[in-house]
Amino acid sequence: MTARVTTVEERWQQFFRWGPYALLVVAGVLVAASGDELMDRTRALVAGALFAAVLALQLWWTAHQRAVGETRCETPTLSVPGAPGPASVFYFTARTALAFALTWTNPFFAVFACIGYFDAVHLLPPRPAGARAGLVAVALTLAGSQSGGLPPRSLLQWVAFAGLFVLNGCLAVGLSHLGVKEAEKARERAATIEALARANARLEEALEENAALQAQLLVQAREAGVADERRRLAAEIHDTIAQGLAGVITQLQAVGATTDPALAQVRLRRAADLARHSLGEARRSVQNLSPVALEHDTLPDALRKTVDDWSERTGITARFTVTGTEHPVHDEIAATLLRIAQEALANAERHSGAARAGVTLSYMGDELTLDVRDDGHGFDPAAVPARHHTGGFGLDGMRARAERLAGSLALETEPGQGTAISARVPLAPHE
């Protein structure tokens, strides 16, 4: 079982409660040892009465502190329970007066009087004079003891008493002032640290909320991209496959209604052509939905094979590079970046006249970047012609694909300087 560690505050509370008793006992022992040389019978009797009065005062003050602590029903936050207040002022004043009288009877009683240096700041109110007046009174008692006892009996003793009183008073008040200032700075530092802790807690909460909102926005953007892709596919199927199949049905119905063999052959050829066209459209739509290259390979492997196949088919030297730590990504992200790479390489083949090309996939923590560049003749982005039906997606299509996943696509090119395309797609925290 681990022992409980006593704090500095608790040790000071113990000292303020039991320290006066300990110093009173030490002073009594010293006085008893030197009584025959420093005290006559009258002084000894007076000292005994004063000693009993001091002990009674201490017992009363201890009982008062215990009563204050029980009233609070908790460990007091002050070093001296019940202070400052009327009771503590009375206790300090009476104790200091009794200690002065005891020191008058025997200088060794100053050992007990010095307790005032430690608790004056706690027992006395800070204003108007408060603790300073108490410290000066304690310094007066100690100066009398240090100069040879009270009252001084010669001019030399009076000079020594005055000098020691000034020295003790200045040291007590100065050190007390420094202690008060240091305590104020400590309280200010504690308040500042507490305020910073609260600010840090609020900042952490805000960062957590922002992270949750960002993740939610990414999910919403992805869902919106999926819905947009579904609408696009539905429109393509309606405009191509559905209309083609409708044309096939029309041609076959016309074959059944004609008796002219030549006209029937023409209708059948038209129906076959429409069927082939519709089959091609169906295959294209399926490939756009789920790239075959990603069925058995990861995104880096699929991109590497795509680049190698493209380089072998076109004769253009191409290199694929991966940077960062590879990890699995969402199927939609992989399909989007693969389609963008295929379209960018197709554009480089048709338009750039390049001799070399490079594709880089970069894992950047919460972001995935695809860069496709070539050393072709480049072009003026402001003079790009309108996309025709057989020209693929083009730059607008690549940009639309990236934006469906809350990403972006940047283009850097100019005549004679090659072309660089960079697609950036954010990653959700779980990816």
Protein backbone atom coordinates (compact mmCIF):
# COMPACT_ATOMS: atom_id res chain seq x y z
CA MET A 1 0.00 0.00 0.00
CA THR A 2 1.45 3.37 -1.07
CA ALA A 3 1.96 5.87 1.77
CA ARG A 4 0.19 9.20 1.42
CA VAL A 5 2.54 12.11 0.67
CA THR A 6 2.17 15.12 2.98
CA THR A 7 1.96 18.39 1.06
CA VAL A 8 3.88 21.56 1.92
CA GLU A 9 0.61 23.28 2.85
CA GLU A 10 -0.21 20.54 5.32
CA ARG A 11 3.25 20.75 6.91
CA TRP A 12 2.82 24.50 7.40
CA GLN A 13 -0.55 23.88 9.04
CA GLN A 14 1.08 21.42 11.44
CA PHE A 15 3.84 23.91 12.23
CA PHE A 16 1.41 26.76 12.93
CA ARG A 17 -0.63 24.48 15.20
CA TRP A 18 2.13 22.74 17.16
CA GLY A 19 5.13 25.05 16.65
CA PRO A 20 4.23 27.45 19.50
CA TYR A 21 4.06 24.54 21.94
CA ALA A 22 7.44 23.22 20.82
CA LEU A 23 9.13 26.64 21.08
CA LEU A 24 7.53 27.27 24.46
CA VAL A 25 8.93 23.97 25.76
CA VAL A 26 12.41 24.75 24.36
CA ALA A 27 12.34 28.19 25.95
CA GLY A 28 11.21 26.69 29.28
CA VAL A 29 14.07 24.21 29.25
CA LEU A 30 16.63 26.96 28.54
CA VAL A 31 15.16 29.18 31.24
CA ALA A 32 15.20 26.35 33.77
CA ALA A 33 18.84 25.68 32.97
CA SER A 34 19.86 29.33 33.39
CA GLY A 35 17.33 30.47 35.96
CA ASP A 36 19.70 30.67 38.93
CA GLU A 37 22.06 33.02 37.08
CA LEU A 38 19.54 35.25 35.23
CA MET A 39 16.48 35.29 37.52
CA ASP A 40 15.76 36.02 41.15
CA ARG A 41 12.87 34.49 43.08
CA THR A 42 10.43 37.27 42.21
CA ARG A 43 11.15 37.02 38.50
CA ALA A 44 10.85 33.26 38.65
CA LEU A 45 7.38 33.48 40.20
CA VAL A 46 6.29 36.05 37.63
CA ALA A 47 7.71 33.91 34.82
CA GLY A 48 5.83 30.87 36.12
CA ALA A 49 2.54 32.78 36.13
CA LEU A 50 3.15 34.17 32.67
CA PHE A 51 4.15 30.71 31.40
CA ALA A 52 0.83 29.31 32.66
CA ALA A 53 -1.05 32.19 30.97
CA VAL A 54 0.70 31.54 27.66
CA LEU A 55 -0.09 27.81 27.87
CA ALA A 56 -3.76 28.58 28.58
CA LEU A 57 -3.83 31.00 25.61
CA GLN A 58 -2.35 28.34 23.34
CA LEU A 59 -4.87 25.73 24.44
CA TRP A 60 -7.73 28.17 23.78
CA TRP A 61 -6.41 28.98 20.32
CA THR A 62 -5.98 25.29 19.44
CA ALA A 63 -9.59 24.60 20.49
CA HIS A 64 -10.76 27.58 18.40
CA GLN A 65 -8.90 26.29 15.31
CA ARG A 66 -10.43 22.83 15.73
CA ALA A 67 -13.90 24.33 16.01
CA VAL A 68 -13.40 26.38 12.83
CA GLY A 69 -12.20 23.29 10.95
CA GLU A 70 -15.22 21.25 12.06
CA THR A 71 -17.56 24.07 11.05
CA ARG A 72 -16.12 24.01 7.53
CA CYS A 73 -16.48 20.20 7.37
CA GLU A 74 -13.44 20.07 5.10
CA THR A 75 -9.71 20.59 5.08
CA PRO A 76 -9.17 24.35 5.37
CA THR A 77 -7.50 26.02 2.44
CA LEU A 78 -5.78 28.57 4.69
CA SER A 79 -2.60 27.70 6.56
CA VAL A 80 -4.17 28.99 9.81
CA PRO A 81 -7.89 28.14 10.19
CA GLY A 82 -10.01 31.04 11.42
CA ALA A 83 -7.50 33.73 10.44
CA PRO A 84 -7.34 36.57 9.89
CA GLY A 85 -10.20 37.64 12.13
CA PRO A 86 -10.95 39.16 15.55
CA ALA A 87 -9.99 35.94 17.36
CA SER A 88 -6.63 35.65 15.57
CA VAL A 89 -5.83 39.33 16.20
CA PHE A 90 -6.58 38.89 19.92
CA TYR A 91 -4.50 35.71 20.06
CA PHE A 92 -1.47 37.27 18.33
CA THR A 93 -1.64 40.46 20.42
CA ALA A 94 -1.98 38.61 23.73
CA ARG A 95 0.72 36.11 22.83
CA THR A 96 3.15 38.83 21.75
CA ALA A 97 2.54 40.81 24.96
CA LEU A 98 3.04 37.72 27.12
CA ALA A 99 6.18 36.79 25.18
CA PHE A 100 7.55 40.31 25.73
CA ALA A 101 6.86 40.05 29.47
CA LEU A 102 8.45 36.61 29.63
CA THR A 103 11.54 37.89 27.80
CA TRP A 104 11.72 40.72 30.37
CA THR A 105 12.01 38.09 33.09
CA ASN A 106 14.51 35.95 31.15
CA PRO A 107 16.06 36.63 27.68
CA PHE A 108 15.76 32.95 26.67
CA PHE A 109 11.99 33.32 26.41
CA ALA A 110 12.70 35.14 23.10
CA VAL A 111 12.90 31.64 21.61
CA PHE A 112 9.15 31.46 22.02
CA ALA A 113 8.59 35.06 20.87
CA CYS A 114 10.19 34.37 17.46
CA ILE A 115 7.10 32.38 16.41
CA GLY A 116 5.56 35.76 15.56
CA TYR A 117 7.91 36.10 12.60
CA PHE A 118 6.23 33.07 10.96
CA ASP A 119 2.51 33.60 11.55
CA ALA A 120 2.04 37.39 11.77
CA VAL A 121 1.16 37.55 8.05
CA HIS A 122 -1.46 34.81 8.53
CA LEU A 123 -2.99 35.93 11.85
CA LEU A 124 -3.16 39.69 11.30
CA PRO A 125 -5.12 41.56 8.61
CA PRO A 126 -2.89 43.08 5.91
CA ARG A 127 -4.35 46.60 6.26
CA PRO A 128 -3.97 49.25 7.53
CA ALA A 129 -0.70 48.31 9.28
CA GLY A 130 -1.63 44.80 10.32
CA ALA A 131 1.19 42.31 9.93
CA ARG A 132 3.91 44.97 9.84
CA ALA A 133 2.96 46.24 13.29
CA GLY A 134 3.02 42.69 14.64
CA LEU A 135 6.43 42.04 13.10
CA VAL A 136 7.82 45.24 14.64
CA ALA A 137 6.52 44.17 18.05
CA VAL A 138 8.22 40.78 17.71
CA ALA A 139 11.43 42.51 16.56
CA LEU A 140 11.28 44.68 19.72
CA THR A 141 11.15 41.59 21.93
CA LEU A 142 14.01 39.83 20.11
CA ALA A 143 16.18 42.95 20.11
CA GLY A 144 15.77 43.18 23.90
CA SER A 145 16.88 39.58 24.29
CA GLN A 146 19.83 39.90 21.89
CA SER A 147 21.10 43.09 23.59
CA GLY A 148 21.41 41.33 26.96
CA GLY A 149 17.91 41.38 28.39
CA LEU A 150 15.22 43.89 29.25
CA PRO A 151 15.41 46.58 30.34
CA PRO A 152 18.84 47.74 29.06
CA ARG A 153 21.04 48.63 32.05
CA SER A 154 23.73 50.75 30.39
CA LEU A 155 24.24 53.16 27.52
CA LEU A 156 26.01 50.48 25.53
CA GLN A 157 23.06 48.15 25.99
CA TRP A 158 20.66 50.89 24.89
CA VAL A 159 22.74 51.51 21.76
CA ALA A 160 22.89 47.78 21.04
CA PHE A 161 19.15 47.46 21.70
CA ALA A 162 18.33 50.31 19.29
CA GLY A 163 20.58 48.94 16.54
CA LEU A 164 19.31 45.41 16.93
CA PHE A 165 15.73 46.63 16.96
CA VAL A 166 16.21 48.51 13.68
CA LEU A 167 18.00 45.53 12.15
CA ASN A 168 15.38 43.02 13.27
CA GLY A 169 12.50 45.26 12.26
CA CYS A 170 13.88 45.96 8.78
CA LEU A 171 14.68 42.32 8.13
CA ALA A 172 11.30 41.12 9.37
CA VAL A 173 9.26 43.68 7.44
CA GLY A 174 11.41 43.40 4.29
CA LEU A 175 11.37 39.63 4.18
CA SER A 176 7.65 39.60 4.94
CA HIS A 177 7.02 42.03 2.07
CA LEU A 178 9.03 39.85 -0.31
CA GLY A 179 7.12 36.80 0.86
CA VAL A 180 3.79 38.49 0.26
CA LYS A 181 4.83 39.59 -3.22
CA GLU A 182 6.09 36.10 -4.02
CA ALA A 183 2.80 34.63 -2.81
CA GLU A 184 0.88 37.08 -5.02
CA LYS A 185 3.00 36.09 -8.02
CA ALA A 186 2.44 32.42 -7.23
CA ARG A 187 -1.32 33.01 -7.12
CA GLU A 188 -1.15 34.92 -10.40
CA ARG A 189 0.88 32.11 -12.01
CA ALA A 190 -1.59 29.55 -10.70
CA ALA A 191 -4.50 31.57 -12.08
CA THR A 192 -2.71 31.94 -15.43
CA ILE A 193 -1.97 28.22 -15.59
CA GLU A 194 -5.59 27.44 -14.74
CA ALA A 195 -6.81 29.85 -17.43
CA LEU A 196 -4.43 28.28 -19.97
CA ALA A 197 -5.64 24.83 -18.98
CA ARG A 198 -9.24 25.90 -19.56
CA ALA A 199 -8.29 27.47 -22.89
CA ASN A 200 -6.43 24.32 -23.94
CA ALA A 201 -9.42 22.20 -22.95
CA ARG A 202 -11.72 24.41 -25.03
CA LEU A 203 -9.24 24.29 -27.93
CA GLU A 204 -9.10 20.49 -27.78
CA GLU A 205 -12.88 20.33 -27.77
CA ALA A 206 -13.00 22.68 -30.76
CA LEU A 207 -10.40 20.60 -32.63
CA GLU A 208 -12.34 17.42 -31.92
CA GLU A 209 -15.54 19.08 -33.14
CA ASN A 210 -13.76 20.34 -36.27
CA ALA A 211 -12.34 16.88 -36.95
CA ALA A 212 -15.78 15.34 -36.56
CA LEU A 213 -17.31 17.98 -38.83
CA GLN A 214 -14.59 17.46 -41.44
CA ALA A 215 -15.15 13.71 -41.39
CA GLN A 216 -18.89 14.29 -41.70
CA LEU A 217 -18.38 16.67 -44.61
CA LEU A 218 -16.14 14.14 -46.36
CA VAL A 219 -18.77 11.45 -45.92
CA GLN A 220 -21.49 13.77 -47.21
CA ALA A 221 -19.34 14.82 -50.15
CA ARG A 222 -18.62 11.19 -50.97
CA GLU A 223 -22.28 10.27 -50.72
CA ALA A 224 -23.16 13.21 -52.94
CA GLY A 225 -20.51 12.06 -55.43
CA VAL A 226 -21.96 8.56 -55.43
CA ALA A 227 -25.45 9.92 -56.03
CA ASP A 228 -24.14 12.18 -58.81
CA GLU A 229 -22.35 9.25 -60.43
CA ARG A 230 -25.52 7.19 -60.27
CA ARG A 231 -27.49 9.98 -61.93
CA ARG A 232 -24.81 10.24 -64.61
CA LEU A 233 -24.92 6.51 -65.28
CA ALA A 234 -28.72 6.53 -65.36
CA ALA A 235 -28.66 9.35 -67.90
CA GLU A 236 -26.06 7.54 -70.02
CA ILE A 237 -28.05 4.30 -69.95
CA HIS A 238 -31.23 6.16 -70.86
CA ASP A 239 -29.58 8.08 -73.68
CA THR A 240 -27.58 5.17 -75.12
CA ILE A 241 -28.46 1.62 -74.14
CA ALA A 242 -32.19 2.12 -73.60
CA GLN A 243 -32.62 4.05 -76.83
CA GLY A 244 -30.48 1.53 -78.70
CA LEU A 245 -32.56 -1.39 -77.43
CA ALA A 246 -35.72 0.47 -78.36
CA GLY A 247 -34.34 0.89 -81.88
CA VAL A 248 -33.52 -2.83 -82.07
CA ILE A 249 -37.10 -3.68 -81.14
CA THR A 250 -38.43 -1.26 -83.72
CA GLN A 251 -36.28 -2.74 -86.47
CA LEU A 252 -37.23 -6.32 -85.56
CA GLN A 253 -40.89 -5.41 -85.52
CA ALA A 254 -40.48 -3.85 -88.98
CA VAL A 255 -38.87 -7.10 -90.23
CA GLY A 256 -41.91 -9.07 -89.13
CA ALA A 257 -44.25 -6.67 -90.86
CA THR A 258 -42.53 -6.62 -94.31
CA THR A 259 -42.67 -9.19 -97.11
CA ASP A 260 -39.71 -7.74 -99.03
CA PRO A 261 -36.59 -9.92 -98.34
CA ALA A 262 -34.17 -7.10 -99.27
CA LEU A 263 -35.87 -4.63 -96.95
CA ALA A 264 -35.90 -7.26 -94.19
CA GLN A 265 -32.14 -7.73 -94.56
CA VAL A 266 -31.64 -3.97 -94.25
CA ARG A 267 -33.75 -3.93 -91.08
CA LEU A 268 -31.81 -6.87 -89.63
CA ARG A 269 -28.46 -5.20 -90.33
CA ARG A 270 -29.67 -2.03 -88.64
CA ALA A 271 -30.87 -4.05 -85.64
CA ALA A 272 -27.48 -5.82 -85.39
CA ASP A 273 -25.60 -2.52 -85.61
CA LEU A 274 -27.77 -1.02 -82.88
CA ALA A 275 -27.25 -4.09 -80.69
CA ARG A 276 -23.47 -3.92 -81.14
CA HIS A 277 -23.48 -0.22 -80.32
CA SER A 278 -25.62 -0.78 -77.22
CA LEU A 279 -23.31 -3.61 -76.11
CA GLY A 280 -20.32 -1.28 -76.43
CA GLU A 281 -22.11 1.39 -74.40
CA ALA A 282 -23.00 -1.18 -71.74
CA ARG A 283 -19.39 -2.32 -71.47
CA ARG A 284 -18.18 1.25 -71.22
CA SER A 285 -20.66 2.05 -68.45
CA VAL A 286 -19.67 -1.06 -66.49
CA GLN A 287 -15.99 -0.22 -66.83
CA ASN A 288 -16.57 3.34 -65.63
CA LEU A 289 -18.46 2.02 -62.60
CA SER A 290 -15.90 -0.56 -61.49
CA PRO A 291 -12.53 -0.61 -63.29
CA VAL A 292 -11.40 -4.14 -64.15
CA ALA A 293 -7.82 -3.22 -63.18
CA LEU A 294 -8.88 -2.82 -59.53
CA GLU A 295 -10.63 -6.17 -59.20
CA HIS A 296 -7.47 -7.99 -58.11
CA ASP A 297 -4.86 -5.23 -57.63
CA THR A 298 -4.37 -2.33 -55.26
CA LEU A 299 -4.36 1.23 -56.58
CA PRO A 300 -0.52 1.45 -56.85
CA ASP A 301 -0.33 -1.92 -58.64
CA ALA A 302 -3.17 -0.99 -61.00
CA LEU A 303 -1.53 2.35 -61.82
CA ARG A 304 1.84 0.67 -62.38
CA LYS A 305 0.32 -1.83 -64.83
CA THR A 306 -1.65 0.93 -66.56
CA VAL A 307 1.50 3.02 -67.03
CA ASP A 308 3.54 0.03 -68.25
CA ASP A 309 0.83 -1.04 -70.73
CA TRP A 310 0.43 2.50 -71.97
CA SER A 311 4.17 2.92 -72.43
CA GLU A 312 4.45 -0.38 -74.31
CA ARG A 313 1.51 0.44 -76.58
CA THR A 314 2.49 4.04 -77.37
CA GLY A 315 6.29 3.75 -77.37
CA ILE A 316 6.54 6.71 -74.94
CA THR A 317 8.94 6.19 -72.04
CA ALA A 318 6.91 6.34 -68.83
CA ARG A 319 7.77 5.88 -65.17
CA PHE A 320 5.52 5.28 -62.16
CA THR A 321 6.54 6.33 -58.62
CA VAL A 322 4.91 5.94 -55.19
CA THR A 323 5.83 8.22 -52.25
CA GLY A 324 4.72 8.00 -48.64
CA THR A 325 3.40 5.00 -46.74
CA GLU A 326 1.05 2.86 -48.81
CA HIS A 327 -2.25 1.86 -47.23
CA PRO A 328 -5.65 0.76 -48.54
CA VAL A 329 -8.06 3.46 -49.73
CA HIS A 330 -11.76 3.50 -50.48
CA ASP A 331 -12.82 1.83 -53.75
CA GLU A 332 -14.33 5.08 -55.04
CA ILE A 333 -11.08 6.97 -54.48
CA ALA A 334 -9.06 4.25 -56.20
CA ALA A 335 -11.45 4.14 -59.18
CA THR A 336 -11.47 7.94 -59.49
CA LEU A 337 -7.70 8.32 -59.49
CA LEU A 338 -7.25 5.41 -61.89
CA ARG A 339 -9.76 6.95 -64.35
CA ILE A 340 -8.03 10.34 -64.07
CA ALA A 341 -4.64 8.73 -64.77
CA GLN A 342 -6.03 6.83 -67.79
CA GLU A 343 -7.63 9.97 -69.23
CA ALA A 344 -4.49 12.07 -68.62
CA LEU A 345 -2.29 9.46 -70.33
CA ALA A 346 -4.76 9.21 -73.21
CA ASN A 347 -4.63 12.99 -73.64
CA ALA A 348 -0.83 12.88 -73.57
CA GLU A 349 -0.85 10.20 -76.28
CA ARG A 350 -3.28 12.06 -78.55
CA HIS A 351 -2.18 15.66 -78.13
CA SER A 352 1.20 16.17 -76.42
CA GLY A 353 3.79 14.62 -78.75
CA ALA A 354 5.76 13.74 -75.63
CA ALA A 355 8.84 11.48 -75.47
CA ARG A 356 8.67 10.90 -71.72
CA ALA A 357 5.93 10.87 -69.11
CA GLY A 358 5.76 10.30 -65.36
CA VAL A 359 3.01 9.32 -62.94
CA THR A 360 3.43 9.80 -59.17
CA LEU A 361 1.06 8.63 -56.43
CA SER A 362 1.72 10.37 -53.09
CA TYR A 363 0.30 9.28 -49.72
CA MET A 364 0.29 12.46 -47.63
CA GLY A 365 -1.44 11.56 -44.37
CA ASP A 366 -4.97 12.88 -44.80
CA GLU A 367 -4.61 13.46 -48.54
CA LEU A 368 -3.85 11.37 -51.63
CA THR A 369 -2.26 13.08 -54.64
CA LEU A 370 -1.88 11.87 -58.24
CA ASP A 371 0.51 13.74 -60.54
CA VAL A 372 0.73 13.04 -64.29
CA ARG A 373 3.32 15.00 -66.30
CA ASP A 374 4.86 14.85 -69.75
CA ASP A 375 7.56 16.69 -71.73
CA GLY A 376 5.30 17.40 -74.71
CA HIS A 377 4.72 20.69 -76.48
CA GLY A 378 2.07 21.83 -73.98
CA PHE A 379 -0.79 24.15 -74.81
CA ASP A 380 -2.61 27.30 -73.79
CA PRO A 381 -5.33 26.33 -71.27
CA ALA A 382 -7.43 29.31 -72.32
CA ALA A 383 -7.53 28.03 -75.91
CA VAL A 384 -8.72 24.45 -75.22
CA PRO A 385 -11.38 23.50 -77.83
CA ALA A 386 -14.79 22.27 -76.82
CA ARG A 387 -14.96 18.55 -76.03
CA HIS A 388 -16.57 16.41 -78.72
CA HIS A 389 -18.48 13.19 -78.13
CA THR A 390 -15.62 10.81 -78.95
CA GLY A 391 -12.96 12.66 -77.03
CA GLY A 392 -13.46 11.06 -73.60
CA PHE A 393 -13.92 13.05 -70.45
CA GLY A 394 -11.16 15.59 -71.03
CA LEU A 395 -10.03 18.11 -68.40
CA ASP A 396 -13.59 18.96 -67.35
CA GLY A 397 -14.38 15.30 -66.81
CA MET A 398 -11.23 14.72 -64.74
CA ARG A 399 -11.96 17.79 -62.64
CA ALA A 400 -15.57 16.68 -62.13
CA ARG A 401 -14.41 13.25 -60.97
CA ALA A 402 -12.07 14.79 -58.35
CA GLU A 403 -14.69 17.27 -57.16
CA ARG A 404 -17.24 14.47 -56.61
CA LEU A 405 -14.97 13.28 -53.80
CA ALA A 406 -14.41 16.80 -52.36
CA GLY A 407 -11.06 16.92 -54.15
CA SER A 408 -9.52 19.21 -56.74
CA LEU A 409 -7.59 19.08 -60.00
CA ALA A 410 -4.86 21.52 -61.00
CA LEU A 411 -3.31 22.00 -64.45
CA GLU A 412 0.10 23.50 -65.19
CA THR A 413 1.07 23.92 -68.85
CA GLU A 414 2.12 26.41 -71.46
CA PRO A 415 3.24 26.08 -75.06
CA GLY A 416 6.60 24.33 -75.32
CA GLN A 417 6.83 23.52 -71.58
CA GLY A 418 5.00 20.19 -71.26
CA THR A 419 1.92 19.48 -69.16
CA ALA A 420 1.41 18.56 -65.50
CA ILE A 421 -1.91 17.48 -64.01
CA SER A 422 -2.31 17.12 -60.22
CA ALA A 423 -5.39 15.57 -58.61
CA ARG A 424 -5.84 15.82 -54.84
CA VAL A 425 -8.41 13.78 -52.93
CA PRO A 426 -8.94 13.98 -49.14
CA LEU A 427 -8.96 10.78 -47.10
CA ALA A 428 -11.39 10.07 -44.28
CA PRO A 429 -9.78 9.36 -40.84
CA HIS A 430 -10.49 5.59 -41.04
CA GLU A 431 -8.80 5.22 -44.44
